[in-house]
Amino acid sequence: MLKNHYKKNTLEAGCDEAGRGCLAGPVFAAAVILPANYSNPLLNDSKKLTEHQRYTLRQHIENDALAWAVASVDNNGIDKINILKASIHAMNLAIAQLKITPEFILVDGNRFVSESGIPFTCIIKGDAQYQSIAAASILAKTYRDDFMCEQHKLYPQYGWDSNKGYPTAKHYDAILQYGITPLHRRSFNLYRQQELSFN
């Protein structure tokens, strides 16, 4: 069971991103404020869940959360400011879209800059420790997957319906054969011949 708060009696928003390691598409981020005593035994880091579990939990999160939001920075923005800054900016965009302003932010990872001035803490592997971060990881992951599956219809040769833009052998082979698309991140090494694991 994940923890439901970092600070007692504080309106906390959990934040996470999805798609940092992809060769194509935006980086997505989500922010979620859960009720103070919220409990869902199925809630976990999105990487530890099946696709079906993620989408089932997304419905629960959206129904149960006090507030939630999803935002993204596209590949052109990533190329302009770099993937780390783009990820942080996407998280800040999601926080800014929350219908309730949080008093504190829990961020998955070890780097963050608050554009709102709201205090925060970074927690390495926080999506496996806190419910709000896990919830954010699920929203960011599923909304990004939805986006890449839609783009697959335009560019089916890259296999984005299965690899979601991550660096797989099929994805690299398709880039070599067909070239890059307007969705590819030009600042990334798009021609490395190496298959990497992905979630």
C-alpha atoms as a PDB file:
ATOM      1  CA  MET A   1       0.000   0.000   0.000  1.00  0.00           C
ATOM      2  CA  LEU A   2       1.408   3.375  -1.032  1.00  0.00           C
ATOM      3  CA  LYS A   3       1.484   6.316   1.359  1.00  0.00           C
ATOM      4  CA  ASN A   4      -1.333   8.829   0.980  1.00  0.00           C
ATOM      5  CA  HIS A   5       0.543  11.894   2.138  1.00  0.00           C
ATOM      6  CA  TYR A   6       3.998  13.368   2.676  1.00  0.00           C
ATOM      7  CA  LYS A   7       2.874  16.165   5.017  1.00  0.00           C
ATOM      8  CA  LYS A   8      -0.182  15.805   7.225  1.00  0.00           C
ATOM      9  CA  ASN A   9      -3.061  18.255   6.826  1.00  0.00           C
ATOM     10  CA  THR A  10      -1.575  19.670   3.625  1.00  0.00           C
ATOM     11  CA  LEU A  11      -3.172  19.862   0.194  1.00  0.00           C
ATOM     12  CA  GLU A  12      -0.584  17.952  -1.843  1.00  0.00           C
ATOM     13  CA  ALA A  13      -0.314  17.452  -5.585  1.00  0.00           C
ATOM     14  CA  GLY A  14       1.673  14.523  -6.929  1.00  0.00           C
ATOM     15  CA  CYS A  15       3.484  15.094 -10.234  1.00  0.00           C
ATOM     16  CA  ASP A  16       5.127  12.813 -12.752  1.00  0.00           C
ATOM     17  CA  GLU A  17       5.986  12.711 -16.441  1.00  0.00           C
ATOM     18  CA  ALA A  18       6.027  10.145 -19.226  1.00  0.00           C
ATOM     19  CA  GLY A  19       8.031   9.905 -22.415  1.00  0.00           C
ATOM     20  CA  ARG A  20      11.395  11.379 -21.499  1.00  0.00           C
ATOM     21  CA  GLY A  21      13.311   8.601 -23.218  1.00  0.00           C
ATOM     22  CA  CYS A  22      11.277   8.521 -26.426  1.00  0.00           C
ATOM     23  CA  LEU A  23      12.632   9.325 -29.878  1.00  0.00           C
ATOM     24  CA  ALA A  24       9.363  10.902 -31.019  1.00  0.00           C
ATOM     25  CA  GLY A  25       6.363  12.746 -29.674  1.00  0.00           C
ATOM     26  CA  PRO A  26       5.800  15.064 -26.718  1.00  0.00           C
ATOM     27  CA  VAL A  27       6.699  14.573 -23.096  1.00  0.00           C
ATOM     28  CA  PHE A  28       3.500  14.409 -21.037  1.00  0.00           C
ATOM     29  CA  ALA A  29       3.075  15.289 -17.379  1.00  0.00           C
ATOM     30  CA  ALA A  30       0.243  15.073 -14.882  1.00  0.00           C
ATOM     31  CA  ALA A  31      -0.609  16.549 -11.515  1.00  0.00           C
ATOM     32  CA  VAL A  32      -3.097  14.937  -9.137  1.00  0.00           C
ATOM     33  CA  ILE A  33      -4.574  16.007  -5.804  1.00  0.00           C
ATOM     34  CA  LEU A  34      -6.173  13.070  -3.997  1.00  0.00           C
ATOM     35  CA  PRO A  35      -8.488  13.223  -0.959  1.00  0.00           C
ATOM     36  CA  ALA A  36      -6.642  13.264   2.372  1.00  0.00           C
ATOM     37  CA  ASN A  37      -7.553   9.730   3.426  1.00  0.00           C
ATOM     38  CA  TYR A  38      -7.651   8.238  -0.054  1.00  0.00           C
ATOM     39  CA  SER A  39      -6.893   4.552  -0.388  1.00  0.00           C
ATOM     40  CA  ASN A  40      -6.754   2.366  -3.479  1.00  0.00           C
ATOM     41  CA  PRO A  41      -4.871  -0.931  -3.044  1.00  0.00           C
ATOM     42  CA  LEU A  42      -4.406  -1.293  -6.821  1.00  0.00           C
ATOM     43  CA  LEU A  43      -2.687   2.059  -7.208  1.00  0.00           C
ATOM     44  CA  ASN A  44       0.984   1.670  -8.105  1.00  0.00           C
ATOM     45  CA  ASP A  45       3.796   2.979 -10.276  1.00  0.00           C
ATOM     46  CA  SER A  46       2.472   2.874 -13.854  1.00  0.00           C
ATOM     47  CA  LYS A  47       5.504   0.848 -14.971  1.00  0.00           C
ATOM     48  CA  LYS A  48       4.455  -1.990 -12.650  1.00  0.00           C
ATOM     49  CA  LEU A  49       0.915  -2.184 -14.048  1.00  0.00           C
ATOM     50  CA  THR A  50      -0.549  -3.785 -17.140  1.00  0.00           C
ATOM     51  CA  GLU A  51      -2.091  -1.581 -19.803  1.00  0.00           C
ATOM     52  CA  HIS A  52      -5.567  -2.717 -18.751  1.00  0.00           C
ATOM     53  CA  GLN A  53      -4.831  -1.883 -15.097  1.00  0.00           C
ATOM     54  CA  ARG A  54      -3.551   1.580 -16.035  1.00  0.00           C
ATOM     55  CA  TYR A  55      -6.690   2.480 -17.955  1.00  0.00           C
ATOM     56  CA  THR A  56      -8.966   1.075 -15.260  1.00  0.00           C
ATOM     57  CA  LEU A  57      -7.119   3.079 -12.609  1.00  0.00           C
ATOM     58  CA  ARG A  58      -7.259   6.196 -14.787  1.00  0.00           C
ATOM     59  CA  GLN A  59     -11.048   6.123 -14.510  1.00  0.00           C
ATOM     60  CA  HIS A  60     -10.855   5.764 -10.725  1.00  0.00           C
ATOM     61  CA  ILE A  61      -8.302   8.572 -10.422  1.00  0.00           C
ATOM     62  CA  GLU A  62     -10.288  10.987 -12.564  1.00  0.00           C
ATOM     63  CA  ASN A  63     -13.473  10.197 -10.630  1.00  0.00           C
ATOM     64  CA  ASP A  64     -11.928  10.281  -7.153  1.00  0.00           C
ATOM     65  CA  ALA A  65      -9.332  13.063  -7.339  1.00  0.00           C
ATOM     66  CA  LEU A  66     -10.060  16.484  -5.886  1.00  0.00           C
ATOM     67  CA  ALA A  67      -8.285  17.854  -8.957  1.00  0.00           C
ATOM     68  CA  TRP A  68      -6.194  16.502 -11.817  1.00  0.00           C
ATOM     69  CA  ALA A  69      -4.605  17.857 -14.976  1.00  0.00           C
ATOM     70  CA  VAL A  70      -2.464  16.659 -17.856  1.00  0.00           C
ATOM     71  CA  ALA A  71      -0.113  18.792 -19.974  1.00  0.00           C
ATOM     72  CA  SER A  72       2.608  18.254 -22.561  1.00  0.00           C
ATOM     73  CA  VAL A  73       5.546  19.852 -24.342  1.00  0.00           C
ATOM     74  CA  ASP A  74       5.949  18.794 -27.960  1.00  0.00           C
ATOM     75  CA  ASN A  75       9.069  17.568 -29.707  1.00  0.00           C
ATOM     76  CA  ASN A  76       9.884  21.047 -31.045  1.00  0.00           C
ATOM     77  CA  GLY A  77       9.826  22.422 -27.521  1.00  0.00           C
ATOM     78  CA  ILE A  78      11.999  19.530 -26.355  1.00  0.00           C
ATOM     79  CA  ASP A  79      14.528  20.249 -29.103  1.00  0.00           C
ATOM     80  CA  LYS A  80      14.554  23.928 -28.180  1.00  0.00           C
ATOM     81  CA  ILE A  81      15.063  23.714 -24.399  1.00  0.00           C
ATOM     82  CA  ASN A  82      16.194  20.059 -23.837  1.00  0.00           C
ATOM     83  CA  ILE A  83      14.235  17.125 -22.451  1.00  0.00           C
ATOM     84  CA  LEU A  84      14.897  17.800 -18.757  1.00  0.00           C
ATOM     85  CA  LYS A  85      13.670  21.400 -18.938  1.00  0.00           C
ATOM     86  CA  ALA A  86      10.733  20.322 -21.110  1.00  0.00           C
ATOM     87  CA  SER A  87       9.733  17.660 -18.558  1.00  0.00           C
ATOM     88  CA  ILE A  88       9.880  20.160 -15.712  1.00  0.00           C
ATOM     89  CA  HIS A  89       7.905  22.710 -17.722  1.00  0.00           C
ATOM     90  CA  ALA A  90       5.240  20.120 -18.587  1.00  0.00           C
ATOM     91  CA  MET A  91       4.824  19.328 -14.887  1.00  0.00           C
ATOM     92  CA  ASN A  92       4.479  23.025 -14.107  1.00  0.00           C
ATOM     93  CA  LEU A  93       1.883  23.400 -16.870  1.00  0.00           C
ATOM     94  CA  ALA A  94      -0.123  20.548 -15.359  1.00  0.00           C
ATOM     95  CA  ILE A  95       0.068  22.114 -11.886  1.00  0.00           C
ATOM     96  CA  ALA A  96      -1.097  25.450 -13.297  1.00  0.00           C
ATOM     97  CA  GLN A  97      -4.157  23.764 -14.828  1.00  0.00           C
ATOM     98  CA  LEU A  98      -5.364  22.252 -11.545  1.00  0.00           C
ATOM     99  CA  LYS A  99      -8.749  23.649 -10.494  1.00  0.00           C
ATOM    100  CA  ILE A 100      -7.474  23.686  -6.891  1.00  0.00           C
ATOM    101  CA  THR A 101      -4.121  25.262  -6.037  1.00  0.00           C
ATOM    102  CA  PRO A 102      -2.023  22.819  -3.998  1.00  0.00           C
ATOM    103  CA  GLU A 103      -0.106  23.871  -0.908  1.00  0.00           C
ATOM    104  CA  PHE A 104       2.743  21.450  -1.585  1.00  0.00           C
ATOM    105  CA  ILE A 105       4.030  19.465  -4.568  1.00  0.00           C
ATOM    106  CA  LEU A 106       5.481  15.949  -4.581  1.00  0.00           C
ATOM    107  CA  VAL A 107       7.633  15.388  -7.655  1.00  0.00           C
ATOM    108  CA  ASP A 108       8.885  12.056  -8.910  1.00  0.00           C
ATOM    109  CA  GLY A 109      12.630  12.150  -9.566  1.00  0.00           C
ATOM    110  CA  ASN A 110      15.470  14.334  -8.368  1.00  0.00           C
ATOM    111  CA  ARG A 111      15.128  17.585 -10.342  1.00  0.00           C
ATOM    112  CA  PHE A 112      12.402  20.218 -10.369  1.00  0.00           C
ATOM    113  CA  VAL A 113      11.959  23.972 -10.527  1.00  0.00           C
ATOM    114  CA  SER A 114       8.661  25.414  -9.309  1.00  0.00           C
ATOM    115  CA  GLU A 115       7.390  28.036 -11.746  1.00  0.00           C
ATOM    116  CA  SER A 116       4.531  28.857  -9.355  1.00  0.00           C
ATOM    117  CA  GLY A 117       6.528  29.334  -6.187  1.00  0.00           C
ATOM    118  CA  ILE A 118       4.629  26.497  -4.490  1.00  0.00           C
ATOM    119  CA  PRO A 119       7.005  24.572  -2.187  1.00  0.00           C
ATOM    120  CA  PHE A 120       7.944  21.082  -3.290  1.00  0.00           C
ATOM    121  CA  THR A 121      10.078  18.062  -2.633  1.00  0.00           C
ATOM    122  CA  CYS A 122      11.604  15.629  -5.116  1.00  0.00           C
ATOM    123  CA  ILE A 123      11.359  11.931  -4.327  1.00  0.00           C
ATOM    124  CA  ILE A 124      13.396   9.390  -6.273  1.00  0.00           C
ATOM    125  CA  LYS A 125      11.083   6.557  -7.319  1.00  0.00           C
ATOM    126  CA  GLY A 126       8.263   8.474  -5.692  1.00  0.00           C
ATOM    127  CA  ASP A 127       5.745   6.809  -8.012  1.00  0.00           C
ATOM    128  CA  ALA A 128       6.364   3.594  -6.076  1.00  0.00           C
ATOM    129  CA  GLN A 129       5.960   5.320  -2.681  1.00  0.00           C
ATOM    130  CA  TYR A 130       3.145   7.877  -2.819  1.00  0.00           C
ATOM    131  CA  GLN A 131      -0.376   7.479  -4.158  1.00  0.00           C
ATOM    132  CA  SER A 132      -0.588  10.960  -5.677  1.00  0.00           C
ATOM    133  CA  ILE A 133       2.640  10.517  -7.659  1.00  0.00           C
ATOM    134  CA  ALA A 134       1.562   7.046  -8.785  1.00  0.00           C
ATOM    135  CA  ALA A 135      -1.759   8.499  -9.910  1.00  0.00           C
ATOM    136  CA  ALA A 136       0.054  11.211 -11.860  1.00  0.00           C
ATOM    137  CA  SER A 137       2.319   8.607 -13.469  1.00  0.00           C
ATOM    138  CA  ILE A 138      -0.737   6.669 -14.656  1.00  0.00           C
ATOM    139  CA  LEU A 139      -2.416   9.723 -16.165  1.00  0.00           C
ATOM    140  CA  ALA A 140       0.753  10.937 -17.875  1.00  0.00           C
ATOM    141  CA  LYS A 141       1.477   7.477 -19.280  1.00  0.00           C
ATOM    142  CA  THR A 142      -2.029   6.713 -20.554  1.00  0.00           C
ATOM    143  CA  TYR A 143      -2.616  10.125 -22.113  1.00  0.00           C
ATOM    144  CA  ARG A 144       0.733   9.951 -23.858  1.00  0.00           C
ATOM    145  CA  ASP A 145      -0.007   6.425 -25.081  1.00  0.00           C
ATOM    146  CA  ASP A 146      -3.343   7.648 -26.460  1.00  0.00           C
ATOM    147  CA  PHE A 147      -1.560  10.429 -28.326  1.00  0.00           C
ATOM    148  CA  MET A 148       1.051   8.112 -29.846  1.00  0.00           C
ATOM    149  CA  CYS A 149      -1.582   5.578 -30.912  1.00  0.00           C
ATOM    150  CA  GLU A 150      -3.396   8.368 -32.759  1.00  0.00           C
ATOM    151  CA  GLN A 151      -0.148   9.411 -34.454  1.00  0.00           C
ATOM    152  CA  HIS A 152       0.440   5.779 -35.431  1.00  0.00           C
ATOM    153  CA  LYS A 153      -2.494   6.121 -37.825  1.00  0.00           C
ATOM    154  CA  LEU A 154      -0.537   8.804 -39.692  1.00  0.00           C
ATOM    155  CA  TYR A 155       2.851   7.053 -39.500  1.00  0.00           C
ATOM    156  CA  PRO A 156       2.137   3.305 -39.153  1.00  0.00           C
ATOM    157  CA  GLN A 157       5.579   2.176 -40.305  1.00  0.00           C
ATOM    158  CA  TYR A 158       7.201   3.252 -37.006  1.00  0.00           C
ATOM    159  CA  GLY A 159       5.158   0.944 -34.779  1.00  0.00           C
ATOM    160  CA  TRP A 160       4.061   3.654 -32.371  1.00  0.00           C
ATOM    161  CA  ASP A 161       0.969   1.669 -31.442  1.00  0.00           C
ATOM    162  CA  SER A 162       3.267  -0.755 -29.639  1.00  0.00           C
ATOM    163  CA  ASN A 163       6.535   1.093 -28.875  1.00  0.00           C
ATOM    164  CA  LYS A 164       4.858   4.481 -28.226  1.00  0.00           C
ATOM    165  CA  GLY A 165       7.905   6.253 -29.660  1.00  0.00           C
ATOM    166  CA  TYR A 166      10.482   4.578 -27.425  1.00  0.00           C
ATOM    167  CA  PRO A 167      13.799   3.418 -28.932  1.00  0.00           C
ATOM    168  CA  THR A 168      13.201  -0.135 -30.117  1.00  0.00           C
ATOM    169  CA  ALA A 169      14.888  -2.032 -32.929  1.00  0.00           C
ATOM    170  CA  LYS A 170      11.775  -1.670 -35.098  1.00  0.00           C
ATOM    171  CA  HIS A 171      11.673   2.057 -34.487  1.00  0.00           C
ATOM    172  CA  TYR A 172      15.337   2.521 -35.386  1.00  0.00           C
ATOM    173  CA  ASP A 173      14.933   0.342 -38.483  1.00  0.00           C
ATOM    174  CA  ALA A 174      11.942   2.398 -39.624  1.00  0.00           C
ATOM    175  CA  ILE A 175      13.893   5.644 -39.213  1.00  0.00           C
ATOM    176  CA  LEU A 176      16.690   4.221 -41.354  1.00  0.00           C
ATOM    177  CA  GLN A 177      14.240   3.049 -44.004  1.00  0.00           C
ATOM    178  CA  TYR A 178      11.729   5.912 -44.077  1.00  0.00           C
ATOM    179  CA  GLY A 179      13.554   8.833 -42.471  1.00  0.00           C
ATOM    180  CA  ILE A 180      12.223  10.976 -39.663  1.00  0.00           C
ATOM    181  CA  THR A 181       8.767  12.484 -39.202  1.00  0.00           C
ATOM    182  CA  PRO A 182       7.730  15.932 -37.973  1.00  0.00           C
ATOM    183  CA  LEU A 183       7.218  14.293 -34.559  1.00  0.00           C
ATOM    184  CA  HIS A 184      10.772  13.038 -34.114  1.00  0.00           C
ATOM    185  CA  ARG A 185      13.079  14.746 -31.626  1.00  0.00           C
ATOM    186  CA  ARG A 186      15.944  16.032 -33.743  1.00  0.00           C
ATOM    187  CA  SER A 187      18.106  16.717 -30.684  1.00  0.00           C
ATOM    188  CA  PHE A 188      18.091  12.991 -29.876  1.00  0.00           C
ATOM    189  CA  ASN A 189      20.337  10.352 -31.441  1.00  0.00           C
ATOM    190  CA  LEU A 190      17.804   8.864 -33.862  1.00  0.00           C
ATOM    191  CA  TYR A 191      20.124   6.451 -35.656  1.00  0.00           C
ATOM    192  CA  ARG A 192      21.713   4.485 -32.848  1.00  0.00           C
ATOM    193  CA  GLN A 193      21.483   0.792 -33.647  1.00  0.00           C
ATOM    194  CA  GLN A 194      20.632  -0.574 -30.251  1.00  0.00           C
ATOM    195  CA  GLU A 195      17.420  -1.944 -28.836  1.00  0.00           C
ATOM    196  CA  LEU A 196      16.475  -0.498 -25.468  1.00  0.00           C
ATOM    197  CA  SER A 197      13.850  -1.677 -23.038  1.00  0.00           C
ATOM    198  CA  PHE A 198      10.781   0.484 -22.660  1.00  0.00           C
ATOM    199  CA  ASN A 199       7.597   0.717 -20.615  1.00  0.00           C
END
